[in-house]
C-alpha atoms as a PDB file:
ATOM      1  CA  MET A   1      -8.287   3.721  21.041  1.00  0.00           C
ATOM      2  CA  THR A   2      -6.410   0.748  22.499  1.00  0.00           C
ATOM      3  CA  PRO A   3      -3.250   1.707  24.471  1.00  0.00           C
ATOM      4  CA  PHE A   4       0.002   0.924  22.677  1.00  0.00           C
ATOM      5  CA  SER A   5       3.745   1.238  23.162  1.00  0.00           C
ATOM      6  CA  TYR A   6       5.936   3.248  20.780  1.00  0.00           C
ATOM      7  CA  HIS A   7       9.401   2.417  19.463  1.00  0.00           C
ATOM      8  CA  LYS A   8      11.689   4.500  17.246  1.00  0.00           C
ATOM      9  CA  PRO A   9      14.464   2.210  15.914  1.00  0.00           C
ATOM     10  CA  ALA A  10      17.646   3.622  14.416  1.00  0.00           C
ATOM     11  CA  SER A  11      18.129   0.967  11.728  1.00  0.00           C
ATOM     12  CA  VAL A  12      16.174  -1.422   9.521  1.00  0.00           C
ATOM     13  CA  SER A  13      17.631  -4.415  11.360  1.00  0.00           C
ATOM     14  CA  GLU A  14      16.502  -2.994  14.699  1.00  0.00           C
ATOM     15  CA  ALA A  15      13.033  -2.304  13.283  1.00  0.00           C
ATOM     16  CA  VAL A  16      12.471  -5.815  11.946  1.00  0.00           C
ATOM     17  CA  ASN A  17      13.773  -7.361  15.180  1.00  0.00           C
ATOM     18  CA  LEU A  18      11.106  -5.436  17.092  1.00  0.00           C
ATOM     19  CA  ALA A  19       8.296  -6.720  14.847  1.00  0.00           C
ATOM     20  CA  ASP A  20       5.830  -9.374  15.985  1.00  0.00           C
ATOM     21  CA  PRO A  21       2.150 -10.204  15.315  1.00  0.00           C
ATOM     22  CA  SER A  22       0.996  -7.542  17.799  1.00  0.00           C
ATOM     23  CA  SER A  23       3.028  -4.705  16.224  1.00  0.00           C
ATOM     24  CA  ARG A  24       2.688  -2.422  13.205  1.00  0.00           C
ATOM     25  CA  PHE A  25       5.224  -0.324  11.335  1.00  0.00           C
ATOM     26  CA  ILE A  26       4.167   3.324  11.011  1.00  0.00           C
ATOM     27  CA  ALA A  27       5.465   6.018   8.640  1.00  0.00           C
ATOM     28  CA  GLY A  28       3.018   8.688   7.407  1.00  0.00           C
ATOM     29  CA  GLY A  29       0.164   6.994   9.231  1.00  0.00           C
ATOM     30  CA  THR A  30      -2.472   8.208   6.768  1.00  0.00           C
ATOM     31  CA  ASN A  31      -4.251   4.827   6.791  1.00  0.00           C
ATOM     32  CA  LEU A  32      -3.069   3.174  10.008  1.00  0.00           C
ATOM     33  CA  VAL A  33      -4.101   6.017  12.323  1.00  0.00           C
ATOM     34  CA  ASP A  34      -7.635   5.995  10.852  1.00  0.00           C
ATOM     35  CA  LEU A  35      -7.849   2.234  11.341  1.00  0.00           C
ATOM     36  CA  MET A  36      -6.713   2.582  14.953  1.00  0.00           C
ATOM     37  CA  LYS A  37      -9.241   5.335  15.657  1.00  0.00           C
ATOM     38  CA  GLU A  38     -12.020   3.120  14.307  1.00  0.00           C
ATOM     39  CA  ASN A  39     -10.749   0.128  16.348  1.00  0.00           C
ATOM     40  CA  VAL A  40     -10.402  -1.883  13.154  1.00  0.00           C
ATOM     41  CA  VAL A  41      -6.699  -2.453  13.871  1.00  0.00           C
ATOM     42  CA  ARG A  42      -5.469  -2.631  17.462  1.00  0.00           C
ATOM     43  CA  PRO A  43      -1.667  -2.878  17.535  1.00  0.00           C
ATOM     44  CA  GLU A  44      -0.009  -3.217  20.914  1.00  0.00           C
ATOM     45  CA  HIS A  45       3.276  -1.778  19.607  1.00  0.00           C
ATOM     46  CA  LEU A  46       3.970   0.877  16.977  1.00  0.00           C
ATOM     47  CA  ILE A  47       7.386   0.854  15.313  1.00  0.00           C
ATOM     48  CA  ASP A  48       8.189   4.287  13.863  1.00  0.00           C
ATOM     49  CA  ILE A  49      10.340   3.840  10.741  1.00  0.00           C
ATOM     50  CA  THR A  50      10.473   7.495   9.668  1.00  0.00           C
ATOM     51  CA  HIS A  51      14.173   7.923  10.568  1.00  0.00           C
ATOM     52  CA  LEU A  52      15.609   4.898   8.765  1.00  0.00           C
ATOM     53  CA  GLY A  53      16.987   6.836   5.762  1.00  0.00           C
ATOM     54  CA  LEU A  54      14.723   5.145   3.203  1.00  0.00           C
ATOM     55  CA  ASN A  55      13.824   8.445   1.554  1.00  0.00           C
ATOM     56  CA  ARG A  56      15.923   8.602  -1.622  1.00  0.00           C
ATOM     57  CA  ILE A  57      15.187   8.175  -5.334  1.00  0.00           C
ATOM     58  CA  GLU A  58      18.252   6.781  -7.124  1.00  0.00           C
ATOM     59  CA  ARG A  59      19.115   5.515 -10.596  1.00  0.00           C
ATOM     60  CA  THR A  60      20.167   1.870 -10.754  1.00  0.00           C
ATOM     61  CA  SER A  61      23.081   0.438 -12.715  1.00  0.00           C
ATOM     62  CA  SER A  62      20.607  -1.183 -15.139  1.00  0.00           C
ATOM     63  CA  GLY A  63      19.054   2.188 -16.020  1.00  0.00           C
ATOM     64  CA  GLY A  64      16.012   1.863 -13.773  1.00  0.00           C
ATOM     65  CA  VAL A  65      15.092   3.675 -10.546  1.00  0.00           C
ATOM     66  CA  LEU A  66      15.151   2.629  -6.896  1.00  0.00           C
ATOM     67  CA  ILE A  67      12.559   4.415  -4.764  1.00  0.00           C
ATOM     68  CA  GLY A  68      12.974   4.385  -0.996  1.00  0.00           C
ATOM     69  CA  ALA A  69       9.939   3.242   0.964  1.00  0.00           C
ATOM     70  CA  LEU A  70       9.784   6.539   2.890  1.00  0.00           C
ATOM     71  CA  VAL A  71       9.683   8.812  -0.168  1.00  0.00           C
ATOM     72  CA  SER A  72       6.396  10.685   0.115  1.00  0.00           C
ATOM     73  CA  ASN A  73       3.803  10.346  -2.614  1.00  0.00           C
ATOM     74  CA  ALA A  74       4.122  14.080  -3.314  1.00  0.00           C
ATOM     75  CA  GLU A  75       7.916  13.883  -3.684  1.00  0.00           C
ATOM     76  CA  LEU A  76       7.675  10.874  -5.955  1.00  0.00           C
ATOM     77  CA  ALA A  77       5.087  12.417  -8.260  1.00  0.00           C
ATOM     78  CA  ALA A  78       7.132  15.631  -8.581  1.00  0.00           C
ATOM     79  CA  ASP A  79      10.554  14.010  -9.044  1.00  0.00           C
ATOM     80  CA  SER A  80      12.063  15.022 -12.394  1.00  0.00           C
ATOM     81  CA  THR A  81      13.230  11.488 -13.246  1.00  0.00           C
ATOM     82  CA  ILE A  82       9.776  10.067 -12.549  1.00  0.00           C
ATOM     83  CA  GLU A  83       8.031  12.843 -14.482  1.00  0.00           C
ATOM     84  CA  GLN A  84      10.313  12.382 -17.494  1.00  0.00           C
ATOM     85  CA  HIS A  85      10.751   8.612 -17.650  1.00  0.00           C
ATOM     86  CA  TYR A  86       7.766   7.214 -15.697  1.00  0.00           C
ATOM     87  CA  PRO A  87       4.965   9.767 -16.234  1.00  0.00           C
ATOM     88  CA  LEU A  88       2.380   6.998 -15.810  1.00  0.00           C
ATOM     89  CA  LEU A  89       3.386   6.699 -12.160  1.00  0.00           C
ATOM     90  CA  SER A  90       3.308  10.435 -11.582  1.00  0.00           C
ATOM     91  CA  GLU A  91      -0.134  10.704 -13.174  1.00  0.00           C
ATOM     92  CA  ALA A  92      -1.536   7.845 -11.096  1.00  0.00           C
ATOM     93  CA  ILE A  93      -0.261   9.317  -7.808  1.00  0.00           C
ATOM     94  CA  LEU A  94      -1.738  12.729  -8.584  1.00  0.00           C
ATOM     95  CA  ALA A  95      -5.096  11.072  -9.255  1.00  0.00           C
ATOM     96  CA  GLY A  96      -5.222   9.825  -5.671  1.00  0.00           C
ATOM     97  CA  ALA A  97      -6.015  11.405  -2.310  1.00  0.00           C
ATOM     98  CA  SER A  98      -5.473  15.124  -1.611  1.00  0.00           C
ATOM     99  CA  PRO A  99      -2.299  17.258  -1.569  1.00  0.00           C
ATOM    100  CA  GLN A 100      -2.211  17.096   2.230  1.00  0.00           C
ATOM    101  CA  LEU A 101      -2.378  13.298   2.249  1.00  0.00           C
ATOM    102  CA  ARG A 102       0.176  12.954  -0.561  1.00  0.00           C
ATOM    103  CA  ASN A 103       2.584  15.089   1.484  1.00  0.00           C
ATOM    104  CA  MET A 104       2.341  12.599   4.373  1.00  0.00           C
ATOM    105  CA  ALA A 105       1.742   9.230   2.702  1.00  0.00           C
ATOM    106  CA  SER A 106       4.821   7.120   2.058  1.00  0.00           C
ATOM    107  CA  THR A 107       5.584   4.987  -0.986  1.00  0.00           C
ATOM    108  CA  GLY A 108       5.838   1.814   1.085  1.00  0.00           C
ATOM    109  CA  GLY A 109       2.699   2.637   3.017  1.00  0.00           C
ATOM    110  CA  ASN A 110       0.760   3.130  -0.197  1.00  0.00           C
ATOM    111  CA  LEU A 111       1.374  -0.531  -1.024  1.00  0.00           C
ATOM    112  CA  LEU A 112       0.219  -1.657   2.415  1.00  0.00           C
ATOM    113  CA  GLN A 113      -2.958   0.379   2.848  1.00  0.00           C
ATOM    114  CA  LEU A 114      -6.063  -1.676   3.575  1.00  0.00           C
ATOM    115  CA  THR A 115      -9.373  -1.781   1.760  1.00  0.00           C
ATOM    116  CA  ARG A 116     -11.966   0.958   2.209  1.00  0.00           C
ATOM    117  CA  CYS A 117     -14.821  -1.570   2.205  1.00  0.00           C
ATOM    118  CA  TYR A 118     -17.685  -0.176   4.323  1.00  0.00           C
ATOM    119  CA  TYR A 119     -18.099  -3.464   6.182  1.00  0.00           C
ATOM    120  CA  PHE A 120     -14.377  -3.773   6.940  1.00  0.00           C
ATOM    121  CA  TYR A 121     -14.465  -0.378   8.676  1.00  0.00           C
ATOM    122  CA  ASP A 122     -17.719  -1.106  10.535  1.00  0.00           C
ATOM    123  CA  THR A 123     -16.721  -3.259  13.503  1.00  0.00           C
ATOM    124  CA  GLY A 124     -20.405  -3.888  14.235  1.00  0.00           C
ATOM    125  CA  THR A 125     -20.745  -6.048  11.111  1.00  0.00           C
ATOM    126  CA  PRO A 126     -19.106  -9.353  10.139  1.00  0.00           C
ATOM    127  CA  CYS A 127     -16.054  -9.244   7.855  1.00  0.00           C
ATOM    128  CA  ASN A 128     -13.837 -12.128   6.824  1.00  0.00           C
ATOM    129  CA  LYS A 129     -10.917  -9.759   6.270  1.00  0.00           C
ATOM    130  CA  ARG A 130     -11.194  -8.341   9.791  1.00  0.00           C
ATOM    131  CA  ASP A 131     -12.498 -11.491  11.538  1.00  0.00           C
ATOM    132  CA  PRO A 132     -11.826 -14.625   9.444  1.00  0.00           C
ATOM    133  CA  GLY A 133     -14.817 -16.942   9.207  1.00  0.00           C
ATOM    134  CA  SER A 134     -17.413 -14.361  10.253  1.00  0.00           C
ATOM    135  CA  GLY A 135     -18.823 -13.813   6.745  1.00  0.00           C
ATOM    136  CA  CYS A 136     -18.883 -11.220   3.966  1.00  0.00           C
ATOM    137  CA  PRO A 137     -22.032  -9.051   3.996  1.00  0.00           C
ATOM    138  CA  ALA A 138     -20.700  -7.083   1.011  1.00  0.00           C
ATOM    139  CA  ARG A 139     -21.540 -10.008  -1.283  1.00  0.00           C
ATOM    140  CA  THR A 140     -25.275  -9.344  -0.927  1.00  0.00           C
ATOM    141  CA  GLY A 141     -25.198  -5.829   0.557  1.00  0.00           C
ATOM    142  CA  LEU A 142     -23.790  -2.514  -0.629  1.00  0.00           C
ATOM    143  CA  ASN A 143     -21.082  -3.522  -3.084  1.00  0.00           C
ATOM    144  CA  ARG A 144     -21.009  -0.938  -5.859  1.00  0.00           C
ATOM    145  CA  ILE A 145     -17.327  -0.126  -5.174  1.00  0.00           C
ATOM    146  CA  HIS A 146     -16.281  -3.754  -4.792  1.00  0.00           C
ATOM    147  CA  ALA A 147     -14.426  -6.227  -6.972  1.00  0.00           C
ATOM    148  CA  ILE A 148     -15.686  -7.649 -10.247  1.00  0.00           C
ATOM    149  CA  LEU A 149     -12.473  -9.561 -11.018  1.00  0.00           C
ATOM    150  CA  GLY A 150     -10.431 -11.528  -8.490  1.00  0.00           C
ATOM    151  CA  ALA A 151     -13.174 -11.792  -5.858  1.00  0.00           C
ATOM    152  CA  SER A 152     -13.989 -14.960  -3.926  1.00  0.00           C
ATOM    153  CA  ASP A 153     -16.809 -16.407  -1.849  1.00  0.00           C
ATOM    154  CA  ALA A 154     -14.981 -15.109   1.218  1.00  0.00           C
ATOM    155  CA  CYS A 155     -14.334 -11.492   0.140  1.00  0.00           C
ATOM    156  CA  VAL A 156     -15.097  -8.972  -2.616  1.00  0.00           C
ATOM    157  CA  ALA A 157     -13.073  -6.041  -1.230  1.00  0.00           C
ATOM    158  CA  THR A 158     -10.663  -4.109  -3.467  1.00  0.00           C
ATOM    159  CA  HIS A 159      -7.273  -2.499  -2.861  1.00  0.00           C
ATOM    160  CA  PRO A 160      -7.750   1.297  -2.921  1.00  0.00           C
ATOM    161  CA  SER A 161      -4.384   2.438  -4.332  1.00  0.00           C
ATOM    162  CA  ASP A 162      -3.978   4.405  -7.568  1.00  0.00           C
ATOM    163  CA  MET A 163      -0.190   4.209  -7.395  1.00  0.00           C
ATOM    164  CA  CYS A 164      -0.202   0.406  -7.208  1.00  0.00           C
ATOM    165  CA  VAL A 165      -2.101   0.106 -10.486  1.00  0.00           C
ATOM    166  CA  ALA A 166       0.675   2.043 -12.230  1.00  0.00           C
ATOM    167  CA  LEU A 167       3.417   0.038 -10.473  1.00  0.00           C
ATOM    168  CA  ALA A 168       1.826  -3.183 -11.699  1.00  0.00           C
ATOM    169  CA  ALA A 169       1.797  -1.894 -15.280  1.00  0.00           C
ATOM    170  CA  LEU A 170       5.440  -0.807 -14.934  1.00  0.00           C
ATOM    171  CA  GLU A 171       6.417  -4.291 -13.672  1.00  0.00           C
ATOM    172  CA  ALA A 172       7.976  -2.920 -10.500  1.00  0.00           C
ATOM    173  CA  VAL A 173       9.830  -5.051  -7.957  1.00  0.00           C
ATOM    174  CA  VAL A 174       9.353  -4.699  -4.193  1.00  0.00           C
ATOM    175  CA  HIS A 175      12.484  -4.911  -2.008  1.00  0.00           C
ATOM    176  CA  VAL A 176      11.810  -6.196   1.509  1.00  0.00           C
ATOM    177  CA  GLU A 177      13.949  -6.983   4.530  1.00  0.00           C
ATOM    178  CA  GLY A 178      13.241  -9.181   7.538  1.00  0.00           C
ATOM    179  CA  ARG A 179      15.059 -11.097  10.233  1.00  0.00           C
ATOM    180  CA  SER A 180      15.917 -13.834   7.742  1.00  0.00           C
ATOM    181  CA  GLY A 181      17.470 -11.362   5.286  1.00  0.00           C
ATOM    182  CA  LYS A 182      16.570  -9.479   2.126  1.00  0.00           C
ATOM    183  CA  ARG A 183      14.422 -10.573  -0.818  1.00  0.00           C
ATOM    184  CA  GLN A 184      12.677  -9.146  -3.864  1.00  0.00           C
ATOM    185  CA  ILE A 185       9.053  -9.710  -4.877  1.00  0.00           C
ATOM    186  CA  ALA A 186       7.666  -9.048  -8.353  1.00  0.00           C
ATOM    187  CA  PHE A 187       4.900  -6.485  -7.991  1.00  0.00           C
ATOM    188  CA  ALA A 188       2.337  -8.705  -9.721  1.00  0.00           C
ATOM    189  CA  GLU A 189       2.917 -11.272  -6.946  1.00  0.00           C
ATOM    190  CA  PHE A 190       3.092  -8.888  -3.978  1.00  0.00           C
ATOM    191  CA  HIS A 191      -0.644  -8.532  -3.261  1.00  0.00           C
ATOM    192  CA  ARG A 192      -2.769 -11.622  -2.676  1.00  0.00           C
ATOM    193  CA  LEU A 193      -6.221 -12.325  -4.071  1.00  0.00           C
ATOM    194  CA  PRO A 194      -8.710 -13.007  -1.250  1.00  0.00           C
ATOM    195  CA  GLN A 195      -9.411 -16.682  -2.079  1.00  0.00           C
ATOM    196  CA  ASP A 196     -10.154 -18.364   1.262  1.00  0.00           C
ATOM    197  CA  ALA A 197      -7.752 -16.212   3.346  1.00  0.00           C
ATOM    198  CA  PRO A 198      -8.787 -12.559   2.775  1.00  0.00           C
ATOM    199  CA  GLN A 199      -7.108 -11.486   6.025  1.00  0.00           C
ATOM    200  CA  ARG A 200      -3.733 -11.838   4.227  1.00  0.00           C
ATOM    201  CA  ASP A 201      -3.380  -8.848   1.912  1.00  0.00           C
ATOM    202  CA  ASN A 202       0.183  -9.437   0.719  1.00  0.00           C
ATOM    203  CA  GLN A 203       3.137 -11.828   0.764  1.00  0.00           C
ATOM    204  CA  LEU A 204       5.039 -10.186   3.630  1.00  0.00           C
ATOM    205  CA  ALA A 205       6.013 -12.122   6.742  1.00  0.00           C
ATOM    206  CA  VAL A 206       5.222 -10.497  10.095  1.00  0.00           C
ATOM    207  CA  ASP A 207       8.802  -9.246  10.536  1.00  0.00           C
ATOM    208  CA  GLU A 208       9.344  -8.058   6.945  1.00  0.00           C
ATOM    209  CA  LEU A 209       9.533  -4.395   6.021  1.00  0.00           C
ATOM    210  CA  VAL A 210       9.230  -2.843   2.568  1.00  0.00           C
ATOM    211  CA  VAL A 211      12.473  -0.875   2.096  1.00  0.00           C
ATOM    212  CA  ALA A 212      12.297   0.131  -1.582  1.00  0.00           C
ATOM    213  CA  ILE A 213      10.504  -0.256  -4.903  1.00  0.00           C
ATOM    214  CA  GLU A 214      12.534  -0.765  -8.059  1.00  0.00           C
ATOM    215  CA  LEU A 215      11.372   0.304 -11.505  1.00  0.00           C
ATOM    216  CA  PRO A 216      12.939  -1.317 -14.580  1.00  0.00           C
ATOM    217  CA  PRO A 217      14.453   0.828 -17.343  1.00  0.00           C
ATOM    218  CA  PRO A 218      11.669   2.937 -18.907  1.00  0.00           C
ATOM    219  CA  ALA A 219       9.970   1.370 -21.884  1.00  0.00           C
ATOM    220  CA  PHE A 220       7.017   3.528 -22.838  1.00  0.00           C
ATOM    221  CA  ALA A 221       7.354   7.015 -21.383  1.00  0.00           C
ATOM    222  CA  ASP A 222       5.828   8.552 -24.521  1.00  0.00           C
ATOM    223  CA  HIS A 223       2.835   6.230 -24.735  1.00  0.00           C
ATOM    224  CA  TYR A 224       0.961   5.914 -21.473  1.00  0.00           C
ATOM    225  CA  ARG A 225      -2.327   6.680 -19.766  1.00  0.00           C
ATOM    226  CA  TYR A 226      -3.807   6.289 -16.302  1.00  0.00           C
ATOM    227  CA  LEU A 227      -7.599   6.292 -16.361  1.00  0.00           C
ATOM    228  CA  LYS A 228      -9.603   6.576 -13.153  1.00  0.00           C
ATOM    229  CA  ILE A 229     -13.393   6.478 -13.147  1.00  0.00           C
ATOM    230  CA  ARG A 230     -14.870   7.914  -9.951  1.00  0.00           C
ATOM    231  CA  ASP A 231     -17.985   9.611  -8.632  1.00  0.00           C
ATOM    232  CA  ARG A 232     -16.422  13.069  -8.396  1.00  0.00           C
ATOM    233  CA  ALA A 233     -13.410  14.771  -9.924  1.00  0.00           C
ATOM    234  CA  SER A 234     -11.159  14.805  -6.859  1.00  0.00           C
ATOM    235  CA  TYR A 235     -10.481  12.982  -3.591  1.00  0.00           C
ATOM    236  CA  ALA A 236     -12.519   9.891  -4.413  1.00  0.00           C
ATOM    237  CA  PHE A 237     -11.574   6.233  -4.660  1.00  0.00           C
ATOM    238  CA  ALA A 238     -11.812   4.622  -8.072  1.00  0.00           C
ATOM    239  CA  LEU A 239     -14.816   2.702  -9.320  1.00  0.00           C
ATOM    240  CA  VAL A 240     -12.500   1.438 -12.061  1.00  0.00           C
ATOM    241  CA  SER A 241      -8.850   2.292 -12.706  1.00  0.00           C
ATOM    242  CA  VAL A 242      -6.636   1.242 -15.605  1.00  0.00           C
ATOM    243  CA  ALA A 243      -2.956   1.845 -16.347  1.00  0.00           C
END
C-alpha cells in the first residue's frame, strides 16, 4: 500500500479546502480501502469526514426527506420514515452487500463507489477507467456482468450500487459543497456515461463533497418494486437491477 497522510477536519469547509487531485475523502471506507489495498487507487492524502455531523435524516419543508451523506446504509434502510414513505429505497439497500458492510457504508459513499469490473481491479491489465487510453479488454474478454446500455468503445463497466438505482427512480437530488460554494445535482445527471472519458465517474469537481441526498415528497409508496437478478441469493452484485 502506498504511504499516505491522514487529516480529520472539523467542518465541511475545512474538508473541501484540504481536497486536491492527490486526496480522497473517506467515511466508511468499504470500497476505498479495498481499492487502496489492491493499488488501484493510490491517494497521497486521506480526509476523514466521519465527524462532520452529516448523519441525520430530516423532513424538508416541501414534505420530502433530506438524508445526510454519513447516514449508514443500515440506518437508512431501517429508518421509519424511509420504510413507510420510500420503501423502494429500503428494499434496494437491503438487496445489496452484507449486514456488516451496510453497517459501515455511508449514503454518500454508496454513490461514489467504483465499478467492480475485473479488469479495473487487475492492475496487470489495461483499463481506460484506471489508465485512460490504455484500452478496454472487457469489450472482447470476460464481460458477462458488464453494461448492455450506456456503454462506449472506451468502457463497458457498470456502477455496482443497488441504492443508486432506487434513488434514480425516486428522482433524488444530490447536495454537494466545494470551495466555490454549494450546488444541487439531479440524480439522473450525477453519474456520467463512459463515452470517451470513462475515468470520470460523476459530475463532482475535485474539491466537492457530497453532503446530503434529498428525496422529493413520496409519490408511490404503495406501488413499488426493486428487482435484482444475481447469481446467488445474497451478497452478489446485480446482473440486472430495476426499480
